[in-house]
Amino acid sequence: MTLPAVSVVLVEPQGALNIGSICRVMMNFGFADLRLVNPKADLLSKQARDMAVHAKMLLRKARLFGSLADALADRSICLGTTRRFGKYRQDFLAPHEIPTLLTRHAPTVRTALVFGREDSGLTTAELDLCQYFVTIATDPALPSLNLAQAVTVCLYELSRGQHVSQGQTVNNTPADNKTIENMYAHMRRTLVEADYLDSQNPDHILRTFRRIFGRAGLDEREVRILHGLWSRIDWLNSKLKK
């Protein structure tokens, strides 16, 4: 069984051994869509091919992207992995909770699991592109997992929980990430112009809205309604400034 609706996205992976190992574990658990954002290692090197073993075809089929936004543009549910906690990193899921989250939507809803750099993970700006955060509980003495090991844990839990979705009631189909990001860009411009967001640091408050709307899982109709709201505010603001 393969899970074509789920993509594994690696941001600037640095190790060919890790990339090859991830291809192998993807094939172990039935995943086939690997996306690499600005890889720093040769994914077709001998090291990568040796670690991939019988999953070399996933190395050859891997898609390359210049930015995380491009890699996630056609995805509707994006889960960013991180081990860091802070002001903008709250409401974490454990890997075993991912299948329960996905049962709210049809199995065909396009999903991405996003993994950061081996040495520094994902930036806050990159996590902004994800609706949910995933963290793996580890011992504080050595909290950081190897990249391929982290991918293995998440894919195992997702694969193991797939049967839960059978017979479940499906809610809305979320809009894709490109549509959502266009709405956020409009929202940002509108609320800065209305002096609601600080023009020097608009993302401070905007990140809270990202968390709210991310949990809601906006569909395309809801995104159009929000665009309409921002357009109405734009119109009112232009009238006030005349």
C-alpha atoms as a PDB file:
ATOM      1  CA  MET A   1       0.000   0.000   0.000  1.00  0.00           C
ATOM      2  CA  THR A   2       1.279   3.507  -0.808  1.00  0.00           C
ATOM      3  CA  LEU A   3       0.114   6.794   0.638  1.00  0.00           C
ATOM      4  CA  PRO A   4       0.335   9.180  -2.332  1.00  0.00           C
ATOM      5  CA  ALA A   5      -1.397  12.051  -0.532  1.00  0.00           C
ATOM      6  CA  VAL A   6       1.455  12.377   1.997  1.00  0.00           C
ATOM      7  CA  SER A   7       4.730  14.083   1.065  1.00  0.00           C
ATOM      8  CA  VAL A   8       7.962  13.990   3.052  1.00  0.00           C
ATOM      9  CA  VAL A   9       9.699  17.368   2.764  1.00  0.00           C
ATOM     10  CA  LEU A  10      13.341  17.830   3.786  1.00  0.00           C
ATOM     11  CA  VAL A  11      14.630  21.389   4.110  1.00  0.00           C
ATOM     12  CA  GLU A  12      18.306  21.755   3.181  1.00  0.00           C
ATOM     13  CA  PRO A  13      19.331  18.209   4.173  1.00  0.00           C
ATOM     14  CA  GLN A  14      23.075  18.036   4.683  1.00  0.00           C
ATOM     15  CA  GLY A  15      23.821  14.315   4.702  1.00  0.00           C
ATOM     16  CA  ALA A  16      23.606  11.941   1.743  1.00  0.00           C
ATOM     17  CA  LEU A  17      23.401   9.010   4.185  1.00  0.00           C
ATOM     18  CA  ASN A  18      20.310  10.536   5.781  1.00  0.00           C
ATOM     19  CA  ILE A  19      18.608  11.127   2.435  1.00  0.00           C
ATOM     20  CA  GLY A  20      19.217   7.541   1.384  1.00  0.00           C
ATOM     21  CA  SER A  21      18.028   6.187   4.742  1.00  0.00           C
ATOM     22  CA  ILE A  22      14.850   8.259   4.507  1.00  0.00           C
ATOM     23  CA  CYS A  23      14.064   6.841   1.066  1.00  0.00           C
ATOM     24  CA  ARG A  24      14.404   3.345   2.479  1.00  0.00           C
ATOM     25  CA  VAL A  25      12.096   3.997   5.426  1.00  0.00           C
ATOM     26  CA  MET A  26       9.579   5.750   3.169  1.00  0.00           C
ATOM     27  CA  MET A  27       9.345   2.618   1.058  1.00  0.00           C
ATOM     28  CA  ASN A  28       9.156   0.472   4.225  1.00  0.00           C
ATOM     29  CA  PHE A  29       5.970   2.252   5.276  1.00  0.00           C
ATOM     30  CA  GLY A  30       4.382   2.925   1.889  1.00  0.00           C
ATOM     31  CA  PHE A  31       5.310   6.553   1.200  1.00  0.00           C
ATOM     32  CA  ALA A  32       6.544   7.625  -2.227  1.00  0.00           C
ATOM     33  CA  ASP A  33       6.671  11.445  -2.540  1.00  0.00           C
ATOM     34  CA  LEU A  34      10.014  12.909  -1.404  1.00  0.00           C
ATOM     35  CA  ARG A  35      10.578  16.653  -1.771  1.00  0.00           C
ATOM     36  CA  LEU A  36      13.933  18.339  -1.120  1.00  0.00           C
ATOM     37  CA  VAL A  37      14.368  22.075  -0.555  1.00  0.00           C
ATOM     38  CA  ASN A  38      17.871  23.263  -1.518  1.00  0.00           C
ATOM     39  CA  PRO A  39      19.634  20.008  -0.572  1.00  0.00           C
ATOM     40  CA  LYS A  40      23.250  20.448   0.540  1.00  0.00           C
ATOM     41  CA  ALA A  41      24.194  16.857  -0.291  1.00  0.00           C
ATOM     42  CA  ASP A  42      24.201  14.896  -3.546  1.00  0.00           C
ATOM     43  CA  LEU A  43      21.055  12.779  -3.397  1.00  0.00           C
ATOM     44  CA  LEU A  44      22.351  10.532  -6.205  1.00  0.00           C
ATOM     45  CA  SER A  45      25.759   9.920  -4.621  1.00  0.00           C
ATOM     46  CA  LYS A  46      26.978   6.397  -3.864  1.00  0.00           C
ATOM     47  CA  GLN A  47      26.415   6.995  -0.144  1.00  0.00           C
ATOM     48  CA  ALA A  48      22.779   7.898  -0.687  1.00  0.00           C
ATOM     49  CA  ARG A  49      22.207   5.018  -3.100  1.00  0.00           C
ATOM     50  CA  ASP A  50      23.841   2.490  -0.776  1.00  0.00           C
ATOM     51  CA  MET A  51      21.641   3.569   2.161  1.00  0.00           C
ATOM     52  CA  ALA A  52      18.477   3.576   0.032  1.00  0.00           C
ATOM     53  CA  VAL A  53      19.068  -0.101  -0.905  1.00  0.00           C
ATOM     54  CA  HIS A  54      15.917  -1.133  -2.846  1.00  0.00           C
ATOM     55  CA  ALA A  55      14.407   2.381  -2.631  1.00  0.00           C
ATOM     56  CA  LYS A  56      16.841   3.973  -5.101  1.00  0.00           C
ATOM     57  CA  MET A  57      13.912   4.831  -7.361  1.00  0.00           C
ATOM     58  CA  LEU A  58      12.691   7.294  -4.706  1.00  0.00           C
ATOM     59  CA  LEU A  59      16.048   9.083  -4.925  1.00  0.00           C
ATOM     60  CA  ARG A  60      15.675   9.392  -8.688  1.00  0.00           C
ATOM     61  CA  LYS A  61      12.043  10.541  -8.413  1.00  0.00           C
ATOM     62  CA  ALA A  62      12.680  13.083  -5.614  1.00  0.00           C
ATOM     63  CA  ARG A  63      11.468  16.576  -6.486  1.00  0.00           C
ATOM     64  CA  LEU A  64      13.728  19.595  -5.888  1.00  0.00           C
ATOM     65  CA  PHE A  65      12.460  23.031  -4.853  1.00  0.00           C
ATOM     66  CA  GLY A  66      14.060  26.421  -4.335  1.00  0.00           C
ATOM     67  CA  SER A  67      11.926  27.329  -1.325  1.00  0.00           C
ATOM     68  CA  LEU A  68       9.751  25.650   1.264  1.00  0.00           C
ATOM     69  CA  ALA A  69       6.790  27.752   0.109  1.00  0.00           C
ATOM     70  CA  ASP A  70       7.106  26.230  -3.367  1.00  0.00           C
ATOM     71  CA  ALA A  71       7.417  22.707  -1.960  1.00  0.00           C
ATOM     72  CA  LEU A  72       4.222  23.141   0.071  1.00  0.00           C
ATOM     73  CA  ALA A  73       2.182  25.114  -2.474  1.00  0.00           C
ATOM     74  CA  ASP A  74      -0.090  22.196  -3.428  1.00  0.00           C
ATOM     75  CA  ARG A  75      -0.348  20.747   0.095  1.00  0.00           C
ATOM     76  CA  SER A  76      -3.389  21.434   2.297  1.00  0.00           C
ATOM     77  CA  ILE A  77      -2.176  20.133   5.678  1.00  0.00           C
ATOM     78  CA  CYS A  78       1.437  20.835   6.625  1.00  0.00           C
ATOM     79  CA  LEU A  79       3.049  19.521   9.793  1.00  0.00           C
ATOM     80  CA  GLY A  80       6.413  20.979  10.771  1.00  0.00           C
ATOM     81  CA  THR A  81       8.682  19.044  13.109  1.00  0.00           C
ATOM     82  CA  THR A  82      10.665  20.816  15.810  1.00  0.00           C
ATOM     83  CA  ARG A  83      12.145  20.140  19.218  1.00  0.00           C
ATOM     84  CA  ARG A  84      12.348  23.813  20.207  1.00  0.00           C
ATOM     85  CA  PHE A  85       9.657  25.461  22.311  1.00  0.00           C
ATOM     86  CA  GLY A  86       8.927  29.176  22.529  1.00  0.00           C
ATOM     87  CA  LYS A  87       6.500  32.033  21.999  1.00  0.00           C
ATOM     88  CA  TYR A  88       5.657  31.025  18.424  1.00  0.00           C
ATOM     89  CA  ARG A  89       5.974  27.265  18.944  1.00  0.00           C
ATOM     90  CA  GLN A  90       2.998  25.982  20.909  1.00  0.00           C
ATOM     91  CA  ASP A  91       0.237  23.344  20.692  1.00  0.00           C
ATOM     92  CA  PHE A  92       2.491  20.452  19.738  1.00  0.00           C
ATOM     93  CA  LEU A  93       1.347  17.084  18.463  1.00  0.00           C
ATOM     94  CA  ALA A  94       3.121  13.857  19.300  1.00  0.00           C
ATOM     95  CA  PRO A  95       3.719  11.596  16.263  1.00  0.00           C
ATOM     96  CA  HIS A  96       1.014   9.141  17.346  1.00  0.00           C
ATOM     97  CA  GLU A  97      -1.529  11.989  17.260  1.00  0.00           C
ATOM     98  CA  ILE A  98      -0.990  12.729  13.557  1.00  0.00           C
ATOM     99  CA  PRO A  99      -3.378  10.000  12.280  1.00  0.00           C
ATOM    100  CA  THR A 100      -6.165  11.239  14.574  1.00  0.00           C
ATOM    101  CA  LEU A 101      -5.729  14.747  13.188  1.00  0.00           C
ATOM    102  CA  LEU A 102      -5.906  13.484   9.606  1.00  0.00           C
ATOM    103  CA  THR A 103      -9.124  11.520  10.230  1.00  0.00           C
ATOM    104  CA  ARG A 104     -10.950  14.869  10.175  1.00  0.00           C
ATOM    105  CA  HIS A 105     -10.327  14.978   6.425  1.00  0.00           C
ATOM    106  CA  ALA A 106     -10.595  12.680   3.428  1.00  0.00           C
ATOM    107  CA  PRO A 107      -7.635  10.331   2.840  1.00  0.00           C
ATOM    108  CA  THR A 108      -6.946  12.177  -0.416  1.00  0.00           C
ATOM    109  CA  VAL A 109      -6.272  15.522   1.315  1.00  0.00           C
ATOM    110  CA  ARG A 110      -2.700  16.413   0.395  1.00  0.00           C
ATOM    111  CA  THR A 111      -0.477  16.406   3.457  1.00  0.00           C
ATOM    112  CA  ALA A 112       3.190  17.234   4.087  1.00  0.00           C
ATOM    113  CA  LEU A 113       5.505  16.213   6.894  1.00  0.00           C
ATOM    114  CA  VAL A 114       8.265  18.827   7.024  1.00  0.00           C
ATOM    115  CA  PHE A 115      11.702  18.164   8.518  1.00  0.00           C
ATOM    116  CA  GLY A 116      14.446  20.736   9.024  1.00  0.00           C
ATOM    117  CA  ARG A 117      18.211  20.822   8.803  1.00  0.00           C
ATOM    118  CA  GLU A 118      20.258  18.291  10.740  1.00  0.00           C
ATOM    119  CA  ASP A 119      22.073  20.998  12.707  1.00  0.00           C
ATOM    120  CA  SER A 120      19.446  23.704  13.194  1.00  0.00           C
ATOM    121  CA  GLY A 121      15.995  22.382  12.250  1.00  0.00           C
ATOM    122  CA  LEU A 122      13.297  24.649  10.839  1.00  0.00           C
ATOM    123  CA  THR A 123      13.281  28.424  11.284  1.00  0.00           C
ATOM    124  CA  THR A 124      10.284  30.249  12.757  1.00  0.00           C
ATOM    125  CA  ALA A 125       9.497  31.672   9.313  1.00  0.00           C
ATOM    126  CA  GLU A 126       9.476  28.157   7.836  1.00  0.00           C
ATOM    127  CA  LEU A 127       7.213  26.902  10.616  1.00  0.00           C
ATOM    128  CA  ASP A 128       4.833  29.763   9.735  1.00  0.00           C
ATOM    129  CA  LEU A 129       4.054  27.784   6.567  1.00  0.00           C
ATOM    130  CA  CYS A 130       2.844  24.828   8.649  1.00  0.00           C
ATOM    131  CA  GLN A 131      -0.542  24.611  10.361  1.00  0.00           C
ATOM    132  CA  TYR A 132       0.635  22.143  12.998  1.00  0.00           C
ATOM    133  CA  PHE A 133       3.825  21.408  14.923  1.00  0.00           C
ATOM    134  CA  VAL A 134       5.078  17.917  15.743  1.00  0.00           C
ATOM    135  CA  THR A 135       7.651  17.080  18.397  1.00  0.00           C
ATOM    136  CA  ILE A 136       9.116  13.757  19.482  1.00  0.00           C
ATOM    137  CA  ALA A 137       9.564  13.295  23.230  1.00  0.00           C
ATOM    138  CA  THR A 138      13.195  12.470  24.044  1.00  0.00           C
ATOM    139  CA  ASP A 139      15.452  12.431  27.080  1.00  0.00           C
ATOM    140  CA  PRO A 140      16.716  15.938  28.017  1.00  0.00           C
ATOM    141  CA  ALA A 141      20.249  14.550  28.219  1.00  0.00           C
ATOM    142  CA  LEU A 142      20.229  14.199  24.410  1.00  0.00           C
ATOM    143  CA  PRO A 143      17.012  15.677  22.992  1.00  0.00           C
ATOM    144  CA  SER A 144      17.995  15.928  19.316  1.00  0.00           C
ATOM    145  CA  LEU A 145      17.255  12.938  17.083  1.00  0.00           C
ATOM    146  CA  ASN A 146      19.095  12.074  13.905  1.00  0.00           C
ATOM    147  CA  LEU A 147      17.069  13.295  10.905  1.00  0.00           C
ATOM    148  CA  ALA A 148      16.427   9.833   9.455  1.00  0.00           C
ATOM    149  CA  GLN A 149      15.405   8.533  12.890  1.00  0.00           C
ATOM    150  CA  ALA A 150      12.901  11.381  13.332  1.00  0.00           C
ATOM    151  CA  VAL A 151      11.392  10.658   9.915  1.00  0.00           C
ATOM    152  CA  THR A 152      11.163   6.966  10.814  1.00  0.00           C
ATOM    153  CA  VAL A 153       9.227   7.640  14.020  1.00  0.00           C
ATOM    154  CA  CYS A 154       6.714   9.923  12.275  1.00  0.00           C
ATOM    155  CA  LEU A 155       6.156   7.663   9.263  1.00  0.00           C
ATOM    156  CA  TYR A 156       5.761   4.587  11.447  1.00  0.00           C
ATOM    157  CA  GLU A 157       3.070   6.275  13.549  1.00  0.00           C
ATOM    158  CA  LEU A 158       1.304   7.661  10.489  1.00  0.00           C
ATOM    159  CA  SER A 159       1.356   4.313   8.713  1.00  0.00           C
ATOM    160  CA  ARG A 160       0.227   2.447  11.840  1.00  0.00           C
ATOM    161  CA  GLY A 161      -2.703   4.802  12.358  1.00  0.00           C
ATOM    162  CA  GLN A 162      -4.059   4.743   8.806  1.00  0.00           C
ATOM    163  CA  HIS A 163      -6.724   2.167   9.649  1.00  0.00           C
ATOM    164  CA  VAL A 164      -8.292   4.622  12.127  1.00  0.00           C
ATOM    165  CA  SER A 165      -9.626   6.734   9.256  1.00  0.00           C
ATOM    166  CA  GLN A 166     -11.816   3.978   7.890  1.00  0.00           C
ATOM    167  CA  GLY A 167     -15.487   4.723   8.470  1.00  0.00           C
ATOM    168  CA  GLN A 168     -14.801   8.146   9.990  1.00  0.00           C
ATOM    169  CA  THR A 169     -16.903  11.211   9.132  1.00  0.00           C
ATOM    170  CA  VAL A 170     -14.994  13.554   6.840  1.00  0.00           C
ATOM    171  CA  ASN A 171     -15.236  17.295   7.339  1.00  0.00           C
ATOM    172  CA  ASN A 172     -14.133  19.992   4.900  1.00  0.00           C
ATOM    173  CA  THR A 173     -11.309  19.778   2.384  1.00  0.00           C
ATOM    174  CA  PRO A 174      -8.715  22.394   3.378  1.00  0.00           C
ATOM    175  CA  ALA A 175      -7.461  24.909   0.839  1.00  0.00           C
ATOM    176  CA  ASP A 176      -3.931  24.314  -0.425  1.00  0.00           C
ATOM    177  CA  ASN A 177      -0.969  26.161   1.063  1.00  0.00           C
ATOM    178  CA  LYS A 178      -0.526  28.515  -1.900  1.00  0.00           C
ATOM    179  CA  THR A 179      -4.145  29.700  -1.530  1.00  0.00           C
ATOM    180  CA  ILE A 180      -3.743  30.117   2.226  1.00  0.00           C
ATOM    181  CA  GLU A 181      -0.463  32.035   1.887  1.00  0.00           C
ATOM    182  CA  ASN A 182      -2.031  34.401  -0.657  1.00  0.00           C
ATOM    183  CA  MET A 183      -4.786  35.107   1.861  1.00  0.00           C
ATOM    184  CA  TYR A 184      -2.226  35.775   4.628  1.00  0.00           C
ATOM    185  CA  ALA A 185      -0.331  38.152   2.335  1.00  0.00           C
ATOM    186  CA  HIS A 186      -3.576  40.068   1.664  1.00  0.00           C
ATOM    187  CA  MET A 187      -4.404  40.060   5.376  1.00  0.00           C
ATOM    188  CA  ARG A 188      -0.945  41.348   6.243  1.00  0.00           C
ATOM    189  CA  ARG A 189      -1.180  44.265   3.793  1.00  0.00           C
ATOM    190  CA  THR A 190      -4.704  45.170   4.892  1.00  0.00           C
ATOM    191  CA  LEU A 191      -4.066  45.105   8.636  1.00  0.00           C
ATOM    192  CA  VAL A 192      -0.789  47.017   8.318  1.00  0.00           C
ATOM    193  CA  GLU A 193      -2.575  49.672   6.247  1.00  0.00           C
ATOM    194  CA  ALA A 194      -5.338  49.821   8.882  1.00  0.00           C
ATOM    195  CA  ASP A 195      -2.681  50.315  11.617  1.00  0.00           C
ATOM    196  CA  TYR A 196      -3.777  47.125  13.334  1.00  0.00           C
ATOM    197  CA  LEU A 197      -0.435  45.408  12.742  1.00  0.00           C
ATOM    198  CA  ASP A 198       2.857  47.084  13.611  1.00  0.00           C
ATOM    199  CA  SER A 199       4.522  47.797  10.272  1.00  0.00           C
ATOM    200  CA  GLN A 200       7.925  47.186  11.909  1.00  0.00           C
ATOM    201  CA  ASN A 201       6.930  43.723  13.165  1.00  0.00           C
ATOM    202  CA  PRO A 202       3.633  42.610  11.574  1.00  0.00           C
ATOM    203  CA  ASP A 203       4.365  38.906  11.950  1.00  0.00           C
ATOM    204  CA  HIS A 204       4.205  39.082  15.757  1.00  0.00           C
ATOM    205  CA  ILE A 205       0.385  39.230  15.774  1.00  0.00           C
ATOM    206  CA  LEU A 206      -0.023  37.560  12.387  1.00  0.00           C
ATOM    207  CA  ARG A 207       1.509  34.356  13.760  1.00  0.00           C
ATOM    208  CA  THR A 208      -1.343  34.146  16.275  1.00  0.00           C
ATOM    209  CA  PHE A 209      -3.841  34.372  13.416  1.00  0.00           C
ATOM    210  CA  ARG A 210      -1.889  31.669  11.600  1.00  0.00           C
ATOM    211  CA  ARG A 211      -2.321  29.357  14.585  1.00  0.00           C
ATOM    212  CA  ILE A 212      -6.066  30.147  14.851  1.00  0.00           C
ATOM    213  CA  PHE A 213      -6.786  29.649  11.140  1.00  0.00           C
ATOM    214  CA  GLY A 214      -4.417  26.694  10.975  1.00  0.00           C
ATOM    215  CA  ARG A 215      -6.397  24.844  13.638  1.00  0.00           C
ATOM    216  CA  ALA A 216      -9.613  25.675  11.775  1.00  0.00           C
ATOM    217  CA  GLY A 217      -8.390  24.108   8.515  1.00  0.00           C
ATOM    218  CA  LEU A 218      -9.886  26.737   6.191  1.00  0.00           C
ATOM    219  CA  ASP A 219     -11.491  25.490   2.988  1.00  0.00           C
ATOM    220  CA  GLU A 220     -11.496  27.464  -0.268  1.00  0.00           C
ATOM    221  CA  ARG A 221     -14.907  29.038   0.379  1.00  0.00           C
ATOM    222  CA  GLU A 222     -13.783  30.261   3.797  1.00  0.00           C
ATOM    223  CA  VAL A 223     -10.599  31.684   2.288  1.00  0.00           C
ATOM    224  CA  ARG A 224     -12.685  33.590  -0.294  1.00  0.00           C
ATOM    225  CA  ILE A 225     -14.860  34.987   2.497  1.00  0.00           C
ATOM    226  CA  LEU A 226     -11.765  36.219   4.353  1.00  0.00           C
ATOM    227  CA  HIS A 227     -10.412  37.771   1.147  1.00  0.00           C
ATOM    228  CA  GLY A 228     -13.763  39.556   0.878  1.00  0.00           C
ATOM    229  CA  LEU A 229     -13.410  40.844   4.441  1.00  0.00           C
ATOM    230  CA  TRP A 230      -9.905  42.194   3.804  1.00  0.00           C
ATOM    231  CA  SER A 231     -11.109  43.799   0.544  1.00  0.00           C
ATOM    232  CA  ARG A 232     -13.967  45.492   2.399  1.00  0.00           C
ATOM    233  CA  ILE A 233     -11.529  46.815   5.004  1.00  0.00           C
ATOM    234  CA  ASP A 234      -9.287  48.031   2.168  1.00  0.00           C
ATOM    235  CA  TRP A 235     -12.242  49.926   0.685  1.00  0.00           C
ATOM    236  CA  LEU A 236     -13.268  51.469   4.013  1.00  0.00           C
ATOM    237  CA  ASN A 237      -9.697  52.451   4.758  1.00  0.00           C
ATOM    238  CA  SER A 238      -9.363  54.174   1.391  1.00  0.00           C
ATOM    239  CA  LYS A 239     -12.553  56.139   2.105  1.00  0.00           C
ATOM    240  CA  LEU A 240     -11.281  57.263   5.516  1.00  0.00           C
ATOM    241  CA  LYS A 241      -8.006  58.465   4.047  1.00  0.00           C
ATOM    242  CA  LYS A 242      -9.622  60.654   1.369  1.00  0.00           C
END
